[in-house]
Amino acid sequence: MTATGPTSKEPLWNESPMPNPAQLETLDLKVFSATWCPDCRRLERWLAESGVKHTSVDIETEPGAAERLEAETGKRAIPFILVNDHAWVRGYHRELPQRLDPDLLVRELLAAAGE
């Protein structure tokens, strides 16, 4: 009897490599947030710890920021990340207990940038 299944060169399942925050270094990221927002603080902390370059846009103090966010996304929730000035990505994962999955966020940001 011979065993059948994947060879050592074939993966057991079709999975992309783990995303790396360093892959975001070429992107222009603007994080629309506010100081009172716990999801915003969680995102900002992860970005800082991961060394991800970004610009913080405080919707409470930056004139027109909240209006732009709502006009372009149709949402009032924060944080949102503007990628390369053309695509918006939600900066939290409300469906997850921990509210932020860094690997998923990196994939979403790269997809929004077309990478």
Protein backbone atom coordinates (compact mmCIF):
# COMPACT_ATOMS: atom_id res chain seq x y z
CA MET A 1 0.00 0.00 0.00
CA THR A 2 1.38 3.42 -0.90
CA ALA A 3 0.63 6.62 0.86
CA THR A 4 -0.87 9.44 -1.13
CA GLY A 5 -0.85 13.11 -0.26
CA PRO A 6 1.26 16.19 -0.65
CA THR A 7 4.94 15.89 -1.36
CA SER A 8 7.43 17.79 0.75
CA LYS A 9 7.35 20.56 -1.86
CA GLU A 10 3.58 21.02 -1.69
CA PRO A 11 1.95 22.93 1.16
CA LEU A 12 -0.66 21.09 3.19
CA TRP A 13 -3.09 23.93 2.50
CA ASN A 14 -3.15 26.97 0.30
CA GLU A 15 -2.04 29.76 2.59
CA SER A 16 -0.31 33.01 1.75
CA PRO A 17 2.84 33.87 3.65
CA MET A 18 2.32 35.73 6.90
CA PRO A 19 2.09 39.44 6.23
CA ASN A 20 4.82 41.64 7.60
CA PRO A 21 4.25 45.25 8.69
CA ALA A 22 7.47 46.16 6.85
CA GLN A 23 5.52 45.54 3.63
CA LEU A 24 3.62 48.77 4.38
CA GLU A 25 6.69 51.02 4.21
CA THR A 26 5.97 52.28 0.69
CA LEU A 27 2.35 53.19 1.46
CA ASP A 28 1.09 56.62 2.44
CA LEU A 29 -1.13 55.90 5.45
CA LYS A 30 -3.31 58.50 7.15
CA VAL A 31 -5.05 57.31 10.30
CA PHE A 32 -8.27 59.20 11.03
CA SER A 33 -8.89 58.89 14.76
CA ALA A 34 -9.56 60.69 18.05
CA THR A 35 -7.87 60.58 21.44
CA TRP A 36 -11.02 59.36 23.24
CA CYS A 37 -11.39 56.29 20.99
CA PRO A 38 -10.09 52.97 22.46
CA ASP A 39 -9.89 51.28 19.02
CA CYS A 40 -7.87 54.26 17.79
CA ARG A 41 -5.42 54.00 20.68
CA ARG A 42 -5.07 50.24 20.07
CA LEU A 43 -4.33 50.84 16.37
CA GLU A 44 -1.88 53.70 17.06
CA ARG A 45 -0.05 51.55 19.63
CA TRP A 46 0.31 48.65 17.17
CA LEU A 47 1.50 50.99 14.39
CA ALA A 48 4.10 52.53 16.70
CA GLU A 49 5.30 49.17 18.06
CA SER A 50 5.54 47.79 14.52
CA GLY A 51 7.40 50.83 13.19
CA VAL A 52 4.73 51.57 10.56
CA LYS A 53 5.06 55.11 9.19
CA HIS A 54 1.76 56.97 9.15
CA THR A 55 0.19 60.35 9.67
CA SER A 56 -2.36 60.74 12.44
CA VAL A 57 -5.38 62.88 11.60
CA ASP A 58 -7.38 63.82 14.70
CA ILE A 59 -10.97 64.28 13.57
CA GLU A 60 -11.62 66.47 16.62
CA THR A 61 -8.90 69.04 15.90
CA GLU A 62 -8.16 68.82 12.15
CA PRO A 63 -10.56 71.11 10.26
CA GLY A 64 -12.69 69.17 7.78
CA ALA A 65 -11.28 65.73 8.75
CA ALA A 66 -14.50 64.31 10.20
CA GLU A 67 -16.50 65.66 7.28
CA ARG A 68 -14.09 64.15 4.75
CA LEU A 69 -14.19 60.77 6.49
CA GLU A 70 -17.98 60.71 6.48
CA ALA A 71 -18.30 62.04 2.92
CA GLU A 72 -15.86 59.51 1.45
CA THR A 73 -16.72 56.42 3.51
CA GLY A 74 -20.33 57.04 4.48
CA LYS A 75 -19.27 56.13 8.03
CA ARG A 76 -18.80 58.01 11.26
CA ALA A 77 -16.88 55.24 13.03
CA ILE A 78 -13.16 55.49 13.67
CA PRO A 79 -10.39 54.60 13.21
CA PHE A 80 -10.23 54.56 9.43
CA ILE A 81 -7.03 54.50 7.40
CA LEU A 82 -6.70 56.34 4.11
CA VAL A 83 -4.28 54.42 1.88
CA ASN A 84 -2.35 56.38 -0.76
CA ASP A 85 -5.06 59.08 -0.70
CA HIS A 86 -7.53 56.88 -2.60
CA ALA A 87 -8.77 53.86 -0.61
CA TRP A 88 -10.21 53.61 2.89
CA VAL A 89 -9.66 50.67 5.27
CA ARG A 90 -11.41 50.27 8.60
CA GLY A 91 -8.74 50.33 11.32
CA TYR A 92 -10.47 47.86 13.62
CA HIS A 93 -12.21 44.49 13.36
CA ARG A 94 -15.51 44.79 15.24
CA GLU A 95 -16.28 41.13 14.59
CA LEU A 96 -13.25 39.96 16.61
CA PRO A 97 -13.10 39.88 20.41
CA GLN A 98 -9.65 41.52 20.40
CA ARG A 99 -10.93 44.20 17.93
CA LEU A 100 -7.67 44.22 15.92
CA ASP A 101 -5.94 41.46 13.97
CA PRO A 102 -2.60 42.89 12.79
CA ASP A 103 -2.06 40.23 10.10
CA LEU A 104 -5.53 40.81 8.68
CA LEU A 105 -5.02 44.57 8.77
CA VAL A 106 -1.73 44.33 6.86
CA ARG A 107 -3.48 42.19 4.20
CA GLU A 108 -6.35 44.70 3.97
CA LEU A 109 -3.99 47.66 3.62
CA LEU A 110 -1.92 45.93 0.92
CA ALA A 111 -5.08 44.95 -0.95
CA ALA A 112 -6.36 48.55 -0.77
CA ALA A 113 -3.06 49.70 -2.28
CA GLY A 114 -3.33 47.10 -5.03
CA GLU A 115 -0.29 45.16 -3.83
